Amino acid sequence: MTLIEAWAEFAVRWLHVITGIAWIGSSFYFIALDLGLRTPLEPKEGVKGEEWQVHGGGFYHIQKYLVAPARMPEDLIWFKWESYATWLSGFALMVLVYYMGAEIFLIDPNVLDIPVWAGILISLGSLAFGWIAYDRICKSKFGDDHTKLMIGLYVILVVIAFFYTHVFSGRAALLHLGAFTATIMSANVFFIIMPNQRIVVADLKAGRTPDPKYGIIAKQRSTHNNYLTLPVLFMMLSTHYPLAFASQWNWLIAALVFLMGVTIRHFFNTMHATKTLLWWTWGLTLLLFLAIMGLSLGPIQNMDWEDEAKLTPAAERFAAAPGFDEVAEVVVNSCSMCHAPEPGVPGIGPAAPKGVRLDNPGWIATHARDIYLQAGVTNAMPPGAYNYMTDEDRALIVAWYRAAE
């Protein structure tokens, strides 16, 4: 990886976070607004509900029409680009990290030894399958019953979680589960919500009375998006926490995270709709989180840490590059006190930070890219008082990595 590629990844990641905040913020706001609407004090034709809000020193009077206003407003604001930009930047980031760096981040021979091209095809195919399957289920008779639909969709997500964790690396599996769900969410906006709104607008412009079914369908998909948001955020952030992705029960952890998303959103949605505080949902959320902790910590105590890393072709190239033996000695001496099965530094653990082991040559070759960026071209690692790496050591790392590229 060149420094330009590293900065490109940084820039796209930053863009993804910014657009994601914009999308989630607008989504949460409109769900809360919709649930908080009250019957108008002064009834107005076509108005379903209204709400008074105060923010930034000003008062806002918001009204929602049952179907649409009598005539088309001149200044109509559409909320769509937040969703599109989030998905596009997220997919670009997946390409930069998990496709271009597939041998490091996507494929784990210890899970399933498949070629890079197969892993990428499975990734792309699964995202497309997710949307097609979800959309057809929603449009079927099964989708008419909202409770059955939500349960059915949850079962599908659990199955997909199990599938991903038995195909990709732990980190890539949970990330893909988040991408799988986010693709459904963004496709809801692109293929259902926006087209339905355009039909209503076209009817208004033509002087026709819009059919209320389009708003009902769009509201259903928007509600699904609302309940899926928190689990998606967890999946995206899980790549930084090996306690989540490196557990042998990572698929079950993901399944429980989706339930946590439901319990948390149910508390806030009920609060907005009825002003009722369902505190029991937080108790249930806590129990789910404790179960996740148990699933995460339990296997670590019995994990077999003696296995050497199964080297990918890229790792083999780094292991054979000039200077590897010297670099391996430097890294073991400087980094293995933390990056080991049982870290020896107080406050680090119970497993290696981010699941990265650097206590033997096989793992060092596997994590060549991280070593190059974190300890070669920057001084990010080793941290603080544990930094015993010299400038000469860092130069060795840079020379070795570039010799293998």
Protein backbone atom coordinates (compact mmCIF):
# COMPACT_ATOMS: atom_id res chain seq x y z
CA MET A 1 0.00 0.00 0.00
CA THR A 2 1.33 3.42 -0.98
CA LEU A 3 0.90 6.48 1.21
CA ILE A 4 -1.47 7.90 -1.41
CA GLU A 5 -3.66 4.80 -1.09
CA ALA A 6 -3.55 5.12 2.70
CA TRP A 7 -4.66 8.76 2.54
CA ALA A 8 -7.37 7.88 0.01
CA GLU A 9 -8.71 5.31 2.50
CA PHE A 10 -8.57 7.93 5.26
CA ALA A 11 -10.44 10.49 3.14
CA VAL A 12 -13.17 8.05 2.08
CA ARG A 13 -13.59 6.80 5.65
CA TRP A 14 -13.99 10.39 6.84
CA LEU A 15 -16.56 11.06 4.09
CA HIS A 16 -18.43 7.89 5.06
CA VAL A 17 -18.65 8.96 8.69
CA ILE A 18 -19.86 12.47 7.80
CA THR A 19 -22.54 11.30 5.37
CA GLY A 20 -23.59 8.55 7.78
CA ILE A 21 -24.13 11.09 10.55
CA ALA A 22 -26.24 13.20 8.19
CA TRP A 23 -28.39 10.23 7.12
CA ILE A 24 -28.88 8.82 10.60
CA GLY A 25 -29.63 12.27 12.02
CA SER A 26 -32.35 13.03 9.48
CA SER A 27 -33.79 9.51 9.80
CA PHE A 28 -34.01 9.66 13.58
CA TYR A 29 -35.45 13.16 13.47
CA PHE A 30 -38.27 12.35 11.06
CA ILE A 31 -39.23 9.13 12.86
CA ALA A 32 -39.40 11.04 16.15
CA LEU A 33 -41.35 13.83 14.45
CA ASP A 34 -43.81 11.44 12.86
CA LEU A 35 -44.42 9.55 16.10
CA GLY A 36 -44.82 12.78 18.07
CA LEU A 37 -47.52 14.33 15.88
CA ARG A 38 -50.73 15.34 17.67
CA THR A 39 -54.22 16.11 16.42
CA PRO A 40 -54.31 19.75 15.24
CA LEU A 41 -55.93 22.20 17.64
CA GLU A 42 -57.44 23.94 14.63
CA PRO A 43 -58.40 21.20 12.15
CA LYS A 44 -57.21 21.77 8.60
CA GLU A 45 -58.29 19.78 5.56
CA GLY A 46 -55.90 16.95 4.81
CA VAL A 47 -53.67 17.55 7.85
CA LYS A 48 -53.07 14.38 9.86
CA GLY A 49 -51.13 15.91 12.73
CA GLU A 50 -49.00 18.79 13.89
CA GLU A 51 -46.20 19.49 16.30
CA TRP A 52 -44.63 22.58 17.83
CA GLN A 53 -40.87 22.53 18.36
CA VAL A 54 -38.31 24.95 19.67
CA HIS A 55 -34.66 25.01 18.63
CA GLY A 56 -31.91 27.58 18.32
CA GLY A 57 -34.02 30.36 19.80
CA GLY A 58 -36.91 29.90 17.37
CA PHE A 59 -40.29 28.14 17.26
CA TYR A 60 -41.32 25.76 14.50
CA HIS A 61 -44.87 24.72 13.61
CA ILE A 62 -44.78 21.45 11.65
CA GLN A 63 -47.76 19.83 9.95
CA LYS A 64 -48.06 16.44 8.25
CA TYR A 65 -50.64 15.81 5.55
CA LEU A 66 -52.53 12.52 5.50
CA VAL A 67 -51.60 11.98 1.84
CA ALA A 68 -50.46 15.28 0.29
CA PRO A 69 -51.38 18.97 0.27
CA ALA A 70 -54.00 20.26 -2.17
CA ARG A 71 -51.33 21.74 -4.42
CA MET A 72 -47.67 21.17 -5.03
CA PRO A 73 -45.41 23.40 -2.84
CA GLU A 74 -42.94 25.56 -4.76
CA ASP A 75 -39.99 24.75 -2.49
CA LEU A 76 -39.99 21.02 -1.70
CA ILE A 77 -36.93 19.63 0.09
CA TRP A 78 -36.02 16.00 -0.65
CA PHE A 79 -34.04 13.88 1.78
CA LYS A 80 -32.16 11.34 -0.30
CA TRP A 81 -28.56 12.30 -0.90
CA GLU A 82 -27.60 11.55 2.71
CA SER A 83 -28.54 7.92 2.08
CA TYR A 84 -26.95 7.66 -1.36
CA ALA A 85 -23.70 9.32 -0.29
CA THR A 86 -23.44 7.07 2.77
CA TRP A 87 -23.81 3.89 0.72
CA LEU A 88 -21.53 5.04 -2.11
CA SER A 89 -18.76 6.13 0.27
CA GLY A 90 -19.18 2.91 2.28
CA PHE A 91 -18.89 0.78 -0.85
CA ALA A 92 -15.84 2.76 -1.98
CA LEU A 93 -14.27 2.10 1.42
CA MET A 94 -15.04 -1.60 1.10
CA VAL A 95 -13.27 -1.64 -2.27
CA LEU A 96 -10.21 0.17 -0.88
CA VAL A 97 -9.89 -1.95 2.26
CA TYR A 98 -11.53 -5.32 1.71
CA TYR A 99 -11.20 -5.82 -2.06
CA MET A 100 -7.82 -4.21 -2.74
CA GLY A 101 -6.54 -5.65 0.55
CA ALA A 102 -8.49 -8.91 0.30
CA GLU A 103 -5.57 -11.17 1.21
CA ILE A 104 -5.16 -9.28 4.47
CA PHE A 105 -8.65 -8.27 5.53
CA LEU A 106 -11.22 -10.27 3.54
CA ILE A 107 -9.84 -13.79 3.22
CA ASP A 108 -8.74 -15.81 6.23
CA PRO A 109 -7.36 -19.26 5.28
CA ASN A 110 -8.07 -20.37 8.85
CA VAL A 111 -11.79 -19.82 8.16
CA LEU A 112 -12.11 -20.74 4.47
CA ASP A 113 -9.22 -20.96 2.00
CA ILE A 114 -10.67 -19.42 -1.16
CA PRO A 115 -9.08 -17.26 -3.88
CA VAL A 116 -9.44 -13.50 -3.72
CA TRP A 117 -11.65 -13.31 -6.80
CA ALA A 118 -14.10 -15.79 -5.24
CA GLY A 119 -14.25 -13.80 -2.01
CA ILE A 120 -15.02 -10.57 -3.87
CA LEU A 121 -17.72 -12.25 -5.98
CA ILE A 122 -19.32 -13.71 -2.86
CA SER A 123 -19.23 -10.26 -1.26
CA LEU A 124 -20.88 -8.53 -4.23
CA GLY A 125 -23.37 -11.31 -4.81
CA SER A 126 -24.47 -11.39 -1.20
CA LEU A 127 -25.21 -7.66 -1.16
CA ALA A 128 -27.37 -7.96 -4.28
CA PHE A 129 -29.08 -11.09 -2.94
CA GLY A 130 -29.91 -9.31 0.33
CA TRP A 131 -31.86 -6.54 -1.34
CA ILE A 132 -33.67 -8.78 -3.85
CA ALA A 133 -34.73 -11.30 -1.18
CA TYR A 134 -35.82 -8.60 1.27
CA ASP A 135 -37.78 -6.64 -1.33
CA ARG A 136 -39.64 -9.69 -2.62
CA ILE A 137 -40.56 -10.80 0.88
CA CYS A 138 -41.89 -7.33 1.72
CA LYS A 139 -44.01 -7.32 -1.46
CA SER A 140 -45.36 -10.83 -0.88
CA LYS A 141 -48.46 -11.75 1.15
CA PHE A 142 -46.09 -12.67 3.98
CA GLY A 143 -45.11 -9.00 4.13
CA ASP A 144 -48.69 -7.92 4.86
CA ASP A 145 -48.28 -9.02 8.48
CA HIS A 146 -45.73 -6.59 9.95
CA THR A 147 -44.93 -8.76 12.98
CA LYS A 148 -44.34 -11.91 10.92
CA LEU A 149 -42.33 -9.87 8.45
CA MET A 150 -39.97 -8.51 11.11
CA ILE A 151 -39.46 -11.98 12.61
CA GLY A 152 -38.80 -13.46 9.18
CA LEU A 153 -36.30 -10.74 8.32
CA TYR A 154 -34.52 -11.29 11.63
CA VAL A 155 -34.15 -15.00 10.88
CA ILE A 156 -32.64 -14.13 7.50
CA LEU A 157 -30.13 -11.79 9.14
CA VAL A 158 -29.07 -14.52 11.59
CA VAL A 159 -28.56 -16.98 8.73
CA ILE A 160 -26.53 -14.43 6.78
CA ALA A 161 -24.43 -13.71 9.89
CA PHE A 162 -23.66 -17.44 10.22
CA PHE A 163 -22.81 -17.60 6.51
CA TYR A 164 -20.45 -14.61 6.56
CA THR A 165 -18.55 -15.83 9.63
CA HIS A 166 -17.89 -19.16 7.91
CA VAL A 167 -16.63 -17.58 4.69
CA PHE A 168 -14.70 -14.40 5.57
CA SER A 169 -12.34 -13.30 8.31
CA GLY A 170 -14.07 -12.33 11.55
CA ARG A 171 -13.45 -8.64 10.93
CA ALA A 172 -14.77 -8.83 7.35
CA ALA A 173 -17.75 -10.97 8.37
CA LEU A 174 -19.27 -8.44 10.76
CA LEU A 175 -18.39 -5.57 8.42
CA HIS A 176 -20.19 -7.38 5.60
CA LEU A 177 -23.22 -7.99 7.77
CA GLY A 178 -23.35 -4.24 8.33
CA ALA A 179 -22.93 -3.60 4.59
CA PHE A 180 -25.61 -6.20 3.82
CA THR A 181 -28.06 -4.38 6.09
CA ALA A 182 -27.02 -0.89 4.97
CA THR A 183 -27.52 -1.91 1.34
CA ILE A 184 -31.11 -2.87 2.13
CA MET A 185 -31.62 0.43 3.92
CA SER A 186 -30.22 2.59 1.13
CA ALA A 187 -32.02 0.55 -1.54
CA ASN A 188 -35.25 1.17 0.36
CA VAL A 189 -34.69 4.88 -0.17
CA PHE A 190 -33.61 4.57 -3.83
CA PHE A 191 -36.07 1.94 -5.09
CA ILE A 192 -39.14 2.39 -2.87
CA ILE A 193 -39.36 5.56 -0.79
CA MET A 194 -38.22 8.08 -3.41
CA PRO A 195 -40.15 6.57 -6.37
CA ASN A 196 -43.32 6.48 -4.27
CA GLN A 197 -42.85 10.12 -3.33
CA ARG A 198 -42.30 11.01 -7.01
CA ILE A 199 -45.62 9.32 -7.90
CA VAL A 200 -47.42 11.44 -5.33
CA VAL A 201 -45.72 14.61 -6.61
CA ALA A 202 -46.63 13.75 -10.21
CA ASP A 203 -50.27 13.22 -9.21
CA LEU A 204 -50.33 16.59 -7.49
CA LYS A 205 -48.87 18.34 -10.52
CA ALA A 206 -51.44 16.65 -12.76
CA GLY A 207 -54.33 17.59 -10.48
CA ARG A 208 -55.01 13.98 -9.47
CA THR A 209 -55.67 12.77 -5.91
CA PRO A 210 -52.65 10.67 -4.83
CA ASP A 211 -53.23 7.10 -3.70
CA PRO A 212 -52.40 6.81 0.04
CA LYS A 213 -50.88 3.32 -0.47
CA TYR A 214 -47.62 4.85 -1.68
CA GLY A 215 -47.14 6.70 1.57
CA ILE A 216 -48.01 3.59 3.59
CA ILE A 217 -45.42 1.48 1.75
CA ALA A 218 -42.76 4.16 2.11
CA LYS A 219 -43.51 4.47 5.84
CA GLN A 220 -43.09 0.70 6.30
CA ARG A 221 -39.64 0.73 4.67
CA SER A 222 -38.62 3.85 6.61
CA THR A 223 -39.59 2.11 9.86
CA HIS A 224 -37.45 -0.90 8.92
CA ASN A 225 -34.53 1.45 8.32
CA ASN A 226 -35.08 3.02 11.71
CA TYR A 227 -34.81 -0.29 13.57
CA LEU A 228 -31.78 -1.43 11.56
CA THR A 229 -29.68 1.69 12.09
CA LEU A 230 -28.15 0.91 15.48
CA PRO A 231 -27.07 -2.65 14.59
CA VAL A 232 -25.42 -1.33 11.42
CA LEU A 233 -23.43 1.16 13.47
CA PHE A 234 -22.28 -1.64 15.78
CA MET A 235 -21.17 -3.79 12.84
CA MET A 236 -19.20 -0.92 11.34
CA LEU A 237 -17.43 -0.14 14.62
CA SER A 238 -16.89 -3.81 15.48
CA THR A 239 -13.88 -3.94 13.16
CA HIS A 240 -11.96 -2.15 15.93
CA TYR A 241 -12.94 -4.65 18.63
CA PRO A 242 -11.68 -8.24 18.36
CA LEU A 243 -13.78 -9.16 21.38
CA ALA A 244 -16.72 -8.94 18.96
CA PHE A 245 -15.35 -10.17 15.64
CA ALA A 246 -12.65 -12.64 16.77
CA SER A 247 -14.92 -14.76 18.94
CA GLN A 248 -15.98 -18.19 17.66
CA TRP A 249 -19.53 -17.07 18.47
CA ASN A 250 -19.28 -13.86 16.43
CA TRP A 251 -22.36 -14.77 14.37
CA LEU A 252 -24.44 -15.19 17.53
CA ILE A 253 -23.06 -11.93 18.94
CA ALA A 254 -24.24 -10.21 15.75
CA ALA A 255 -27.68 -11.80 16.11
CA LEU A 256 -28.04 -10.48 19.66
CA VAL A 257 -26.87 -7.03 18.56
CA PHE A 258 -29.84 -6.83 16.18
CA LEU A 259 -32.15 -7.58 19.12
CA MET A 260 -30.45 -4.83 21.13
CA GLY A 261 -31.16 -2.42 18.30
CA VAL A 262 -34.85 -3.32 18.46
CA THR A 263 -35.12 -2.89 22.24
CA ILE A 264 -33.35 0.48 22.24
CA ARG A 265 -35.32 1.90 19.31
CA HIS A 266 -38.58 0.58 20.81
CA PHE A 267 -37.92 2.60 23.97
CA PHE A 268 -37.40 5.85 22.07
CA ASN A 269 -40.12 5.28 19.48
CA THR A 270 -42.66 4.53 22.22
CA MET A 271 -41.52 7.59 24.15
CA HIS A 272 -42.02 9.82 21.10
CA ALA A 273 -45.40 8.29 20.27
CA THR A 274 -47.05 8.03 23.69
CA LYS A 275 -44.69 9.76 26.16
CA THR A 276 -44.48 6.39 27.92
CA LEU A 277 -41.06 5.33 29.24
CA LEU A 278 -40.63 1.58 28.86
CA TRP A 279 -37.69 1.15 31.20
CA TRP A 280 -37.92 -2.65 30.95
CA THR A 281 -36.46 -2.39 27.45
CA TRP A 282 -33.18 -1.15 28.96
CA GLY A 283 -33.17 -4.08 31.37
CA LEU A 284 -33.58 -6.44 28.45
CA THR A 285 -30.87 -4.58 26.55
CA LEU A 286 -28.51 -5.01 29.50
CA LEU A 287 -29.22 -8.75 29.63
CA LEU A 288 -28.51 -9.03 25.91
CA PHE A 289 -25.26 -7.12 26.34
CA LEU A 290 -24.19 -9.36 29.23
CA ALA A 291 -24.92 -12.39 27.04
CA ILE A 292 -22.73 -10.88 24.33
CA MET A 293 -19.93 -10.33 26.84
CA GLY A 294 -20.19 -13.96 27.93
CA LEU A 295 -20.07 -15.21 24.35
CA SER A 296 -17.07 -13.01 23.68
CA LEU A 297 -14.98 -13.65 26.80
CA GLY A 298 -15.73 -17.33 27.33
CA PRO A 299 -14.00 -18.72 24.23
CA ILE A 300 -10.86 -16.63 24.86
CA GLN A 301 -10.08 -18.63 27.99
CA ASN A 302 -10.03 -21.87 25.98
CA MET A 303 -8.62 -20.64 22.70
CA ASP A 304 -5.69 -22.53 21.20
CA TRP A 305 -3.09 -19.85 20.57
CA GLU A 306 -0.31 -22.22 19.50
CA ASP A 307 -1.32 -22.37 15.85
CA GLU A 308 0.89 -20.50 13.40
CA ALA A 309 -0.80 -18.18 10.95
CA LYS A 310 -1.66 -19.79 7.62
CA LEU A 311 0.09 -17.46 5.25
CA THR A 312 -1.68 -15.99 2.25
CA PRO A 313 0.37 -15.41 -0.94
CA ALA A 314 0.80 -11.77 0.08
CA ALA A 315 2.08 -12.74 3.55
CA GLU A 316 4.45 -15.28 2.00
CA ARG A 317 5.85 -12.51 -0.18
CA PHE A 318 6.57 -10.37 2.86
CA ALA A 319 8.07 -13.31 4.74
CA ALA A 320 10.49 -13.91 1.85
CA ALA A 321 11.41 -10.23 1.37
CA PRO A 322 14.96 -9.04 2.19
CA GLY A 323 15.30 -7.87 5.80
CA PHE A 324 12.37 -9.89 7.16
CA ASP A 325 14.39 -11.69 9.83
CA GLU A 326 15.73 -8.39 11.20
CA VAL A 327 12.29 -6.79 11.13
CA ALA A 328 10.71 -9.80 12.83
CA GLU A 329 13.24 -9.54 15.67
CA VAL A 330 12.53 -5.80 16.05
CA VAL A 331 8.77 -6.30 16.09
CA VAL A 332 8.84 -9.22 18.53
CA ASN A 333 11.07 -7.24 20.90
CA SER A 334 9.04 -4.02 20.61
CA CYS A 335 5.45 -5.14 20.11
CA SER A 336 4.83 -8.65 21.42
CA MET A 337 4.39 -7.56 25.04
CA CYS A 338 0.96 -6.25 23.96
CA HIS A 339 0.25 -8.08 20.72
CA ALA A 340 0.25 -11.59 22.14
CA PRO A 341 -2.42 -14.14 23.17
CA GLU A 342 -1.99 -13.01 26.77
CA PRO A 343 -0.70 -9.41 26.79
CA GLY A 344 1.84 -8.70 29.50
CA VAL A 345 1.10 -4.98 29.82
CA PRO A 346 -1.40 -3.95 32.55
CA GLY A 347 -4.65 -2.66 31.10
CA ILE A 348 -4.20 -4.48 27.78
CA GLY A 349 -6.28 -7.55 27.18
CA PRO A 350 -7.66 -10.07 27.68
CA ALA A 351 -6.61 -10.61 24.04
CA ALA A 352 -4.24 -8.89 21.64
CA PRO A 353 -5.36 -5.33 20.74
CA LYS A 354 -7.60 -5.38 17.66
CA GLY A 355 -6.90 -9.11 17.40
CA VAL A 356 -3.43 -8.42 15.98
CA ARG A 357 -0.74 -10.85 17.12
CA LEU A 358 2.92 -9.95 16.57
CA ASP A 359 4.64 -12.61 18.65
CA ASN A 360 6.00 -14.82 15.86
CA PRO A 361 7.18 -14.43 12.24
CA GLY A 362 4.01 -15.85 10.70
CA TRP A 363 1.77 -13.25 12.29
CA ILE A 364 4.26 -10.47 11.56
CA ALA A 365 4.20 -11.32 7.84
CA THR A 366 0.39 -11.46 7.95
CA HIS A 367 0.16 -7.96 9.46
CA ALA A 368 2.89 -6.40 7.32
CA ARG A 369 0.68 -3.53 6.15
CA ASP A 370 -0.32 -2.50 9.67
CA ILE A 371 3.29 -2.67 10.88
CA TYR A 372 4.44 -0.53 7.95
CA LEU A 373 1.84 2.19 8.55
CA GLN A 374 1.78 2.15 12.36
CA ALA A 375 5.49 1.73 13.10
CA GLY A 376 7.26 2.42 9.82
CA VAL A 377 6.01 5.61 8.21
CA THR A 378 4.44 6.93 11.43
CA ASN A 379 5.31 6.74 15.13
CA ALA A 380 1.83 5.65 16.20
CA MET A 381 3.16 2.37 17.59
CA PRO A 382 4.52 1.32 20.00
CA PRO A 383 2.67 3.77 22.25
CA GLY A 384 3.92 6.14 24.95
CA ALA A 385 6.14 4.73 27.63
CA TYR A 386 6.44 1.38 25.82
CA ASN A 387 8.07 2.91 22.75
CA TYR A 388 11.54 1.35 22.54
CA MET A 389 11.72 1.40 18.73
CA THR A 390 14.54 3.50 17.26
CA ASP A 391 14.60 5.46 14.01
CA GLU A 392 16.88 2.78 12.60
CA ASP A 393 14.30 0.12 13.48
CA ARG A 394 11.59 2.06 11.68
CA ALA A 395 13.80 2.50 8.63
CA LEU A 396 14.30 -1.28 8.54
CA ILE A 397 10.54 -1.79 8.52
CA VAL A 398 10.02 0.70 5.68
CA ALA A 399 12.81 -0.81 3.56
CA TRP A 400 11.53 -4.36 4.12
CA TYR A 401 7.91 -3.50 3.25
CA ARG A 402 8.80 -1.57 0.12
CA ALA A 403 11.13 -4.35 -1.04
CA ALA A 404 8.18 -6.76 -0.95
CA GLU A 405 5.67 -4.53 -2.76
